[in-house]
Amino acid sequence: MTNTWQETHIAVESVMEVAEGRHQGVIHIMTSMAEQNHRAEVAQLTGEAERLTNKPKDTCVLHSSQDVKPPFSMATSQATCPTNKQPKHTQRLYTMK
């Protein structure tokens, strides 16, 4: 009877080791894929940020809805960039003469 119990115990331990090995393999693959996807996303965002940072300043046009009056004045403006996918937005300008 002791022999059967020992054989069963050894068999269970062997199955558990195989299962743990497979589990570790899957975890390694999933972690590698997640890291690769993260690196690709960071590279894409870095490229977009560099492209937007290095964009010539004359690509954006500032349209003022009223004249700016010195010494302090406030004008409501809309900044639009044709290549930008963001909607038009209102921007307050404060100027000092």
PDB file of N, CA and C in Angstrom:
ATOM      1  N   MET A   1       0.827  -1.190   0.000  1.00  0.00           N
ATOM      2  CA  MET A   1       0.000   0.000   0.000  1.00  0.00           C
ATOM      3  C   MET A   1       0.872   1.253   0.000  1.00  0.00           C
ATOM      4  N   THR A   2       1.965   1.225   0.765  1.00  0.00           N
ATOM      5  CA  THR A   2       2.869   2.358   0.799  1.00  0.00           C
ATOM      6  C   THR A   2       3.467   2.588  -0.576  1.00  0.00           C
ATOM      7  N   ASN A   3       3.760   1.551  -1.301  1.00  0.00           N
ATOM      8  CA  ASN A   3       4.335   1.654  -2.623  1.00  0.00           C
ATOM      9  C   ASN A   3       3.379   2.356  -3.586  1.00  0.00           C
ATOM     10  N   THR A   4       2.095   2.048  -3.526  1.00  0.00           N
ATOM     11  CA  THR A   4       1.092   2.683  -4.387  1.00  0.00           C
ATOM     12  C   THR A   4       0.968   4.164  -4.048  1.00  0.00           C
ATOM     13  N   TRP A   5       0.989   4.483  -2.765  1.00  0.00           N
ATOM     14  CA  TRP A   5       0.894   5.887  -2.361  1.00  0.00           C
ATOM     15  C   TRP A   5       2.106   6.672  -2.868  1.00  0.00           C
ATOM     16  N   GLN A   6       3.297   6.108  -2.749  1.00  0.00           N
ATOM     17  CA  GLN A   6       4.505   6.772  -3.222  1.00  0.00           C
ATOM     18  C   GLN A   6       4.470   6.972  -4.736  1.00  0.00           C
ATOM     19  N   GLU A   7       4.027   5.967  -5.469  1.00  0.00           N
ATOM     20  CA  GLU A   7       3.928   6.075  -6.928  1.00  0.00           C
ATOM     21  C   GLU A   7       2.927   7.164  -7.318  1.00  0.00           C
ATOM     22  N   THR A   8       1.810   7.205  -6.605  1.00  0.00           N
ATOM     23  CA  THR A   8       0.801   8.227  -6.891  1.00  0.00           C
ATOM     24  C   THR A   8       1.360   9.615  -6.588  1.00  0.00           C
ATOM     25  N   HIS A   9       2.038   9.736  -5.479  1.00  0.00           N
ATOM     26  CA  HIS A   9       2.631  11.017  -5.088  1.00  0.00           C
ATOM     27  C   HIS A   9       3.656  11.478  -6.129  1.00  0.00           C
ATOM     28  N   ILE A  10       4.501  10.566  -6.590  1.00  0.00           N
ATOM     29  CA  ILE A  10       5.509  10.889  -7.609  1.00  0.00           C
ATOM     30  C   ILE A  10       4.825  11.311  -8.915  1.00  0.00           C
ATOM     31  N   ALA A  11       3.780  10.596  -9.290  1.00  0.00           N
ATOM     32  CA  ALA A  11       3.049  10.918 -10.529  1.00  0.00           C
ATOM     33  C   ALA A  11       2.404  12.307 -10.433  1.00  0.00           C
ATOM     34  N   VAL A  12       1.810  12.608  -9.294  1.00  0.00           N
ATOM     35  CA  VAL A  12       1.169  13.920  -9.098  1.00  0.00           C
ATOM     36  C   VAL A  12       2.219  15.020  -9.149  1.00  0.00           C
ATOM     37  N   GLU A  13       3.359  14.812  -8.498  1.00  0.00           N
ATOM     38  CA  GLU A  13       4.422  15.814  -8.526  1.00  0.00           C
ATOM     39  C   GLU A  13       4.932  16.026  -9.948  1.00  0.00           C
ATOM     40  N   SER A  14       5.054  14.969 -10.714  1.00  0.00           N
ATOM     41  CA  SER A  14       5.515  15.075 -12.102  1.00  0.00           C
ATOM     42  C   SER A  14       4.529  15.885 -12.945  1.00  0.00           C
ATOM     43  N   VAL A  15       3.257  15.619 -12.785  1.00  0.00           N
ATOM     44  CA  VAL A  15       2.228  16.357 -13.525  1.00  0.00           C
ATOM     45  C   VAL A  15       2.259  17.834 -13.122  1.00  0.00           C
ATOM     46  N   MET A  16       2.427  18.078 -11.830  1.00  0.00           N
ATOM     47  CA  MET A  16       2.478  19.469 -11.360  1.00  0.00           C
ATOM     48  C   MET A  16       3.694  20.195 -11.934  1.00  0.00           C
ATOM     49  N   GLU A  17       4.835  19.539 -12.034  1.00  0.00           N
ATOM     50  CA  GLU A  17       6.033  20.152 -12.599  1.00  0.00           C
ATOM     51  C   GLU A  17       5.837  20.477 -14.080  1.00  0.00           C
ATOM     52  N   VAL A  18       5.242  19.544 -14.817  1.00  0.00           N
ATOM     53  CA  VAL A  18       4.969  19.786 -16.246  1.00  0.00           C
ATOM     54  C   VAL A  18       3.999  20.958 -16.404  1.00  0.00           C
ATOM     55  N   ALA A  19       2.956  20.976 -15.598  1.00  0.00           N
ATOM     56  CA  ALA A  19       1.968  22.066 -15.672  1.00  0.00           C
ATOM     57  C   ALA A  19       2.613  23.403 -15.332  1.00  0.00           C
ATOM     58  N   GLU A  20       3.461  23.429 -14.317  1.00  0.00           N
ATOM     59  CA  GLU A  20       4.151  24.674 -13.927  1.00  0.00           C
ATOM     60  C   GLU A  20       5.075  25.143 -15.036  1.00  0.00           C
ATOM     61  N   GLY A  21       5.782  24.202 -15.676  1.00  0.00           N
ATOM     62  CA  GLY A  21       6.655  24.554 -16.803  1.00  0.00           C
ATOM     63  C   GLY A  21       5.873  25.157 -17.957  1.00  0.00           C
ATOM     64  N   ARG A  22       4.742  24.559 -18.291  1.00  0.00           N
ATOM     65  CA  ARG A  22       3.892  25.103 -19.368  1.00  0.00           C
ATOM     66  C   ARG A  22       3.356  26.480 -18.993  1.00  0.00           C
ATOM     67  N   HIS A  23       2.950  26.611 -17.747  1.00  0.00           N
ATOM     68  CA  HIS A  23       2.429  27.886 -17.266  1.00  0.00           C
ATOM     69  C   HIS A  23       3.498  28.979 -17.381  1.00  0.00           C
ATOM     70  N   GLN A  24       4.711  28.669 -16.942  1.00  0.00           N
ATOM     71  CA  GLN A  24       5.801  29.631 -17.028  1.00  0.00           C
ATOM     72  C   GLN A  24       6.087  30.002 -18.486  1.00  0.00           C
ATOM     73  N   GLY A  25       6.012  29.036 -19.386  1.00  0.00           N
ATOM     74  CA  GLY A  25       6.221  29.306 -20.817  1.00  0.00           C
ATOM     75  C   GLY A  25       5.177  30.262 -21.372  1.00  0.00           C
ATOM     76  N   VAL A  26       3.935  30.036 -21.005  1.00  0.00           N
ATOM     77  CA  VAL A  26       2.858  30.914 -21.465  1.00  0.00           C
ATOM     78  C   VAL A  26       3.029  32.315 -20.888  1.00  0.00           C
ATOM     79  N   ILE A  27       3.346  32.408 -19.621  1.00  0.00           N
ATOM     80  CA  ILE A  27       3.567  33.715 -18.975  1.00  0.00           C
ATOM     81  C   ILE A  27       4.715  34.441 -19.669  1.00  0.00           C
ATOM     82  N   HIS A  28       5.791  33.738 -19.992  1.00  0.00           N
ATOM     83  CA  HIS A  28       6.932  34.350 -20.673  1.00  0.00           C
ATOM     84  C   HIS A  28       6.524  34.885 -22.046  1.00  0.00           C
ATOM     85  N   ILE A  29       5.781  34.097 -22.803  1.00  0.00           N
ATOM     86  CA  ILE A  29       5.330  34.530 -24.133  1.00  0.00           C
ATOM     87  C   ILE A  29       4.416  35.756 -24.026  1.00  0.00           C
ATOM     88  N   MET A  30       3.476  35.722 -23.091  1.00  0.00           N
ATOM     89  CA  MET A  30       2.549  36.850 -22.930  1.00  0.00           C
ATOM     90  C   MET A  30       3.288  38.111 -22.502  1.00  0.00           C
ATOM     91  N   THR A  31       4.247  37.969 -21.597  1.00  0.00           N
ATOM     92  CA  THR A  31       5.031  39.113 -21.136  1.00  0.00           C
ATOM     93  C   THR A  31       5.855  39.682 -22.280  1.00  0.00           C
ATOM     94  N   SER A  32       6.469  38.823 -23.071  1.00  0.00           N
ATOM     95  CA  SER A  32       7.268  39.280 -24.205  1.00  0.00           C
ATOM     96  C   SER A  32       6.406  40.031 -25.220  1.00  0.00           C
ATOM     97  N   MET A  33       5.213  39.507 -25.498  1.00  0.00           N
ATOM     98  CA  MET A  33       4.315  40.169 -26.440  1.00  0.00           C
ATOM     99  C   MET A  33       3.869  41.523 -25.913  1.00  0.00           C
ATOM    100  N   ALA A  34       3.556  41.594 -24.636  1.00  0.00           N
ATOM    101  CA  ALA A  34       3.127  42.863 -24.033  1.00  0.00           C
ATOM    102  C   ALA A  34       4.258  43.881 -24.078  1.00  0.00           C
ATOM    103  N   GLU A  35       5.485  43.461 -23.772  1.00  0.00           N
ATOM    104  CA  GLU A  35       6.625  44.368 -23.826  1.00  0.00           C
ATOM    105  C   GLU A  35       6.876  44.856 -25.247  1.00  0.00           C
ATOM    106  N   GLN A  36       6.757  43.964 -26.215  1.00  0.00           N
ATOM    107  CA  GLN A  36       6.959  44.333 -27.615  1.00  0.00           C
ATOM    108  C   GLN A  36       5.890  45.330 -28.064  1.00  0.00           C
ATOM    109  N   ASN A  37       4.644  45.078 -27.710  1.00  0.00           N
ATOM    110  CA  ASN A  37       3.566  46.010 -28.062  1.00  0.00           C
ATOM    111  C   ASN A  37       3.779  47.362 -27.397  1.00  0.00           C
ATOM    112  N   HIS A  38       4.210  47.356 -26.144  1.00  0.00           N
ATOM    113  CA  HIS A  38       4.463  48.601 -25.422  1.00  0.00           C
ATOM    114  C   HIS A  38       5.582  49.394 -26.093  1.00  0.00           C
ATOM    115  N   ARG A  39       6.670  48.706 -26.441  1.00  0.00           N
ATOM    116  CA  ARG A  39       7.792  49.388 -27.114  1.00  0.00           C
ATOM    117  C   ARG A  39       7.337  49.992 -28.440  1.00  0.00           C
ATOM    118  N   ALA A  40       6.511  49.263 -29.200  1.00  0.00           N
ATOM    119  CA  ALA A  40       6.025  49.768 -30.482  1.00  0.00           C
ATOM    120  C   ALA A  40       5.146  51.001 -30.283  1.00  0.00           C
ATOM    121  N   GLU A  41       4.275  50.971 -29.282  1.00  0.00           N
ATOM    122  CA  GLU A  41       3.408  52.116 -29.009  1.00  0.00           C
ATOM    123  C   GLU A  41       4.215  53.326 -28.559  1.00  0.00           C
ATOM    124  N   VAL A  42       5.211  53.114 -27.709  1.00  0.00           N
ATOM    125  CA  VAL A  42       6.060  54.220 -27.257  1.00  0.00           C
ATOM    126  C   VAL A  42       6.821  54.808 -28.439  1.00  0.00           C
ATOM    127  N   ALA A  43       7.340  53.957 -29.319  1.00  0.00           N
ATOM    128  CA  ALA A  43       8.065  54.443 -30.495  1.00  0.00           C
ATOM    129  C   ALA A  43       7.143  55.253 -31.404  1.00  0.00           C
ATOM    130  N   GLN A  44       5.908  54.780 -31.584  1.00  0.00           N
ATOM    131  CA  GLN A  44       4.950  55.507 -32.417  1.00  0.00           C
ATOM    132  C   GLN A  44       4.618  56.863 -31.803  1.00  0.00           C
ATOM    133  N   LEU A  45       4.350  56.899 -30.502  1.00  0.00           N
ATOM    134  CA  LEU A  45       4.033  58.164 -29.839  1.00  0.00           C
ATOM    135  C   LEU A  45       5.221  59.114 -29.843  1.00  0.00           C
ATOM    136  N   THR A  46       6.426  58.576 -29.676  1.00  0.00           N
ATOM    137  CA  THR A  46       7.621  59.413 -29.723  1.00  0.00           C
ATOM    138  C   THR A  46       7.785  60.019 -31.113  1.00  0.00           C
ATOM    139  N   GLY A  47       7.570  59.221 -32.141  1.00  0.00           N
ATOM    140  CA  GLY A  47       7.658  59.724 -33.511  1.00  0.00           C
ATOM    141  C   GLY A  47       6.633  60.804 -33.783  1.00  0.00           C
ATOM    142  N   GLU A  48       5.397  60.590 -33.329  1.00  0.00           N
ATOM    143  CA  GLU A  48       4.353  61.597 -33.515  1.00  0.00           C
ATOM    144  C   GLU A  48       4.694  62.881 -32.768  1.00  0.00           C
ATOM    145  N   ALA A  49       5.217  62.753 -31.552  1.00  0.00           N
ATOM    146  CA  ALA A  49       5.578  63.934 -30.766  1.00  0.00           C
ATOM    147  C   ALA A  49       6.709  64.697 -31.445  1.00  0.00           C
ATOM    148  N   GLU A  50       7.709  63.988 -31.953  1.00  0.00           N
ATOM    149  CA  GLU A  50       8.810  64.653 -32.651  1.00  0.00           C
ATOM    150  C   GLU A  50       8.314  65.331 -33.919  1.00  0.00           C
ATOM    151  N   ARG A  51       7.418  64.661 -34.654  1.00  0.00           N
ATOM    152  CA  ARG A  51       6.887  65.233 -35.887  1.00  0.00           C
ATOM    153  C   ARG A  51       6.107  66.501 -35.583  1.00  0.00           C
ATOM    154  N   LEU A  52       5.298  66.478 -34.530  1.00  0.00           N
ATOM    155  CA  LEU A  52       4.510  67.657 -34.178  1.00  0.00           C
ATOM    156  C   LEU A  52       5.387  68.768 -33.614  1.00  0.00           C
ATOM    157  N   THR A  53       6.437  68.410 -32.875  1.00  0.00           N
ATOM    158  CA  THR A  53       7.335  69.409 -32.308  1.00  0.00           C
ATOM    159  C   THR A  53       8.144  70.103 -33.402  1.00  0.00           C
ATOM    160  N   ASN A  54       8.525  69.366 -34.417  1.00  0.00           N
ATOM    161  CA  ASN A  54       9.362  69.916 -35.484  1.00  0.00           C
ATOM    162  C   ASN A  54       8.551  70.500 -36.634  1.00  0.00           C
ATOM    163  N   LYS A  55       7.232  70.537 -36.506  1.00  0.00           N
ATOM    164  CA  LYS A  55       6.383  71.060 -37.564  1.00  0.00           C
ATOM    165  C   LYS A  55       6.642  72.558 -37.716  1.00  0.00           C
ATOM    166  N   PRO A  56       6.731  73.051 -38.956  1.00  0.00           N
ATOM    167  CA  PRO A  56       6.925  74.491 -39.151  1.00  0.00           C
ATOM    168  C   PRO A  56       5.798  75.290 -38.502  1.00  0.00           C
ATOM    169  N   LYS A  57       6.163  76.423 -37.932  1.00  0.00           N
ATOM    170  CA  LYS A  57       5.197  77.220 -37.187  1.00  0.00           C
ATOM    171  C   LYS A  57       4.119  77.833 -38.077  1.00  0.00           C
ATOM    172  N   ASP A  58       4.364  77.965 -39.370  1.00  0.00           N
ATOM    173  CA  ASP A  58       3.375  78.604 -40.243  1.00  0.00           C
ATOM    174  C   ASP A  58       2.264  77.652 -40.674  1.00  0.00           C
ATOM    175  N   THR A  59       2.251  76.405 -40.191  1.00  0.00           N
ATOM    176  CA  THR A  59       1.184  75.488 -40.561  1.00  0.00           C
ATOM    177  C   THR A  59      -0.084  75.735 -39.756  1.00  0.00           C
ATOM    178  N   CYS A  60       0.021  76.432 -38.639  1.00  0.00           N
ATOM    179  CA  CYS A  60      -1.141  76.762 -37.832  1.00  0.00           C
ATOM    180  C   CYS A  60      -1.474  78.238 -38.044  1.00  0.00           C
ATOM    181  N   VAL A  61      -2.754  78.525 -38.169  1.00  0.00           N
ATOM    182  CA  VAL A  61      -3.201  79.896 -38.410  1.00  0.00           C
ATOM    183  C   VAL A  61      -4.007  80.355 -37.211  1.00  0.00           C
ATOM    184  N   LEU A  62      -3.777  81.567 -36.740  1.00  0.00           N
ATOM    185  CA  LEU A  62      -4.502  82.129 -35.610  1.00  0.00           C
ATOM    186  C   LEU A  62      -5.453  83.197 -36.138  1.00  0.00           C
ATOM    187  N   HIS A  63      -6.747  82.985 -35.931  1.00  0.00           N
ATOM    188  CA  HIS A  63      -7.766  83.923 -36.382  1.00  0.00           C
ATOM    189  C   HIS A  63      -8.333  84.636 -35.169  1.00  0.00           C
ATOM    190  N   SER A  64      -8.242  85.974 -35.145  1.00  0.00           N
ATOM    191  CA  SER A  64      -8.746  86.739 -34.014  1.00  0.00           C
ATOM    192  C   SER A  64     -10.124  87.278 -34.352  1.00  0.00           C
ATOM    193  N   SER A  65     -11.052  87.183 -33.393  1.00  0.00           N
ATOM    194  CA  SER A  65     -12.407  87.666 -33.630  1.00  0.00           C
ATOM    195  C   SER A  65     -12.552  89.135 -33.285  1.00  0.00           C
ATOM    196  N   GLN A  66     -11.574  89.731 -32.622  1.00  0.00           N
ATOM    197  CA  GLN A  66     -11.603  91.157 -32.336  1.00  0.00           C
ATOM    198  C   GLN A  66     -10.180  91.675 -32.231  1.00  0.00           C
ATOM    199  N   ASP A  67     -10.019  92.955 -32.421  1.00  0.00           N
ATOM    200  CA  ASP A  67      -8.685  93.553 -32.385  1.00  0.00           C
ATOM    201  C   ASP A  67      -8.122  93.533 -30.973  1.00  0.00           C
ATOM    202  N   VAL A  68      -6.827  93.428 -30.864  1.00  0.00           N
ATOM    203  CA  VAL A  68      -6.141  93.446 -29.579  1.00  0.00           C
ATOM    204  C   VAL A  68      -5.855  94.900 -29.245  1.00  0.00           C
ATOM    205  N   LYS A  69      -6.254  95.350 -28.037  1.00  0.00           N
ATOM    206  CA  LYS A  69      -6.105  96.743 -27.643  1.00  0.00           C
ATOM    207  C   LYS A  69      -5.089  96.866 -26.514  1.00  0.00           C
ATOM    208  N   PRO A  70      -4.066  97.701 -26.666  1.00  0.00           N
ATOM    209  CA  PRO A  70      -3.056  97.887 -25.619  1.00  0.00           C
ATOM    210  C   PRO A  70      -3.585  98.708 -24.479  1.00  0.00           C
ATOM    211  N   PRO A  71      -2.964  98.791 -23.269  1.00  0.00           N
ATOM    212  CA  PRO A  71      -1.802  98.008 -22.886  1.00  0.00           C
ATOM    213  C   PRO A  71      -2.172  96.580 -22.512  1.00  0.00           C
ATOM    214  N   PHE A  72      -3.331  96.338 -21.929  1.00  0.00           N
ATOM    215  CA  PHE A  72      -3.790  94.982 -21.657  1.00  0.00           C
ATOM    216  C   PHE A  72      -5.110  94.813 -22.358  1.00  0.00           C
ATOM    217  N   SER A  73      -5.261  93.729 -23.023  1.00  0.00           N
ATOM    218  CA  SER A  73      -6.539  93.470 -23.675  1.00  0.00           C
ATOM    219  C   SER A  73      -6.750  91.975 -23.758  1.00  0.00           C
ATOM    220  N   MET A  74      -7.958  91.630 -24.045  1.00  0.00           N
ATOM    221  CA  MET A  74      -8.318  90.231 -24.136  1.00  0.00           C
ATOM    222  C   MET A  74      -9.029  90.032 -25.460  1.00  0.00           C
ATOM    223  N   ALA A  75      -8.632  89.073 -26.216  1.00  0.00           N
ATOM    224  CA  ALA A  75      -9.273  88.778 -27.492  1.00  0.00           C
ATOM    225  C   ALA A  75      -9.631  87.301 -27.520  1.00  0.00           C
ATOM    226  N   THR A  76     -10.753  86.988 -28.121  1.00  0.00           N
ATOM    227  CA  THR A  76     -11.146  85.598 -28.284  1.00  0.00           C
ATOM    228  C   THR A  76     -10.667  85.154 -29.656  1.00  0.00           C
ATOM    229  N   SER A  77      -9.923  84.075 -29.693  1.00  0.00           N
ATOM    230  CA  SER A  77      -9.353  83.609 -30.950  1.00  0.00           C
ATOM    231  C   SER A  77      -9.666  82.141 -31.136  1.00  0.00           C
ATOM    232  N   GLN A  78      -9.510  81.698 -32.366  1.00  0.00           N
ATOM    233  CA  GLN A  78      -9.635  80.278 -32.653  1.00  0.00           C
ATOM    234  C   GLN A  78      -8.365  79.832 -33.346  1.00  0.00           C
ATOM    235  N   ALA A  79      -7.747  78.812 -32.808  1.00  0.00           N
ATOM    236  CA  ALA A  79      -6.548  78.256 -33.425  1.00  0.00           C
ATOM    237  C   ALA A  79      -6.960  77.023 -34.199  1.00  0.00           C
ATOM    238  N   THR A  80      -6.571  76.959 -35.450  1.00  0.00           N
ATOM    239  CA  THR A  80      -6.896  75.796 -36.261  1.00  0.00           C
ATOM    240  C   THR A  80      -5.651  75.339 -36.990  1.00  0.00           C
ATOM    241  N   CYS A  81      -5.463  74.052 -37.046  1.00  0.00           N
ATOM    242  CA  CYS A  81      -4.372  73.454 -37.800  1.00  0.00           C
ATOM    243  C   CYS A  81      -5.004  72.468 -38.774  1.00  0.00           C
ATOM    244  N   PRO A  82      -4.800  72.658 -40.070  1.00  0.00           N
ATOM    245  CA  PRO A  82      -5.439  71.761 -41.035  1.00  0.00           C
ATOM    246  C   PRO A  82      -4.993  70.314 -40.889  1.00  0.00           C
ATOM    247  N   THR A  83      -3.767  70.077 -40.446  1.00  0.00           N
ATOM    248  CA  THR A  83      -3.302  68.696 -40.317  1.00  0.00           C
ATOM    249  C   THR A  83      -3.643  68.097 -38.960  1.00  0.00           C
ATOM    250  N   ASN A  84      -4.133  68.928 -38.045  1.00  0.00           N
ATOM    251  CA  ASN A  84      -4.447  68.453 -36.707  1.00  0.00           C
ATOM    252  C   ASN A  84      -5.854  67.872 -36.711  1.00  0.00           C
ATOM    253  N   LYS A  85      -6.051  66.757 -36.048  1.00  0.00           N
ATOM    254  CA  LYS A  85      -7.359  66.123 -36.004  1.00  0.00           C
ATOM    255  C   LYS A  85      -8.229  66.637 -34.870  1.00  0.00           C
ATOM    256  N   GLN A  86      -7.675  67.523 -34.046  1.00  0.00           N
ATOM    257  CA  GLN A  86      -8.446  68.048 -32.927  1.00  0.00           C
ATOM    258  C   GLN A  86      -9.424  69.092 -33.439  1.00  0.00           C
ATOM    259  N   PRO A  87     -10.585  69.232 -32.776  1.00  0.00           N
ATOM    260  CA  PRO A  87     -11.550  70.243 -33.200  1.00  0.00           C
ATOM    261  C   PRO A  87     -11.026  71.639 -32.891  1.00  0.00           C
ATOM    262  N   LYS A  88     -11.628  72.634 -33.566  1.00  0.00           N
ATOM    263  CA  LYS A  88     -11.275  74.021 -33.283  1.00  0.00           C
ATOM    264  C   LYS A  88     -11.563  74.310 -31.818  1.00  0.00           C
ATOM    265  N   HIS A  89     -10.788  75.178 -31.222  1.00  0.00           N
ATOM    266  CA  HIS A  89     -11.020  75.519 -29.827  1.00  0.00           C
ATOM    267  C   HIS A  89     -10.829  77.013 -29.640  1.00  0.00           C
ATOM    268  N   THR A  90     -11.471  77.541 -28.624  1.00  0.00           N
ATOM    269  CA  THR A  90     -11.377  78.955 -28.316  1.00  0.00           C
ATOM    270  C   THR A  90     -10.205  79.173 -27.381  1.00  0.00           C
ATOM    271  N   GLN A  91      -9.457  80.239 -27.659  1.00  0.00           N
ATOM    272  CA  GLN A  91      -8.266  80.513 -26.868  1.00  0.00           C
ATOM    273  C   GLN A  91      -8.259  81.998 -26.514  1.00  0.00           C
ATOM    274  N   ARG A  92      -7.989  82.318 -25.268  1.00  0.00           N
ATOM    275  CA  ARG A  92      -7.922  83.715 -24.849  1.00  0.00           C
ATOM    276  C   ARG A  92      -6.476  84.187 -24.942  1.00  0.00           C
ATOM    277  N   LEU A  93      -6.300  85.370 -25.521  1.00  0.00           N
ATOM    278  CA  LEU A  93      -4.976  85.946 -25.665  1.00  0.00           C
ATOM    279  C   LEU A  93      -4.877  87.172 -24.772  1.00  0.00           C
ATOM    280  N   TYR A  94      -3.839  87.249 -23.995  1.00  0.00           N
ATOM    281  CA  TYR A  94      -3.575  88.419 -23.170  1.00  0.00           C
ATOM    282  C   TYR A  94      -2.283  89.044 -23.685  1.00  0.00           C
ATOM    283  N   THR A  95      -2.366  90.309 -24.041  1.00  0.00           N
ATOM    284  CA  THR A  95      -1.194  90.978 -24.570  1.00  0.00           C
ATOM    285  C   THR A  95      -0.876  92.207 -23.742  1.00  0.00           C
ATOM    286  N   MET A  96       0.376  92.580 -23.772  1.00  0.00           N
ATOM    287  CA  MET A  96       0.816  93.759 -23.059  1.00  0.00           C
ATOM    288  C   MET A  96       1.681  94.591 -23.998  1.00  0.00           C
ATOM    289  N   LYS A  97       1.449  95.883 -24.040  1.00  0.00           N
ATOM    290  CA  LYS A  97       2.205  96.733 -24.930  1.00  0.00           C
ATOM    291  C   LYS A  97       3.443  97.243 -24.280  1.00  0.00           C
TER     292      LYS A  97
END
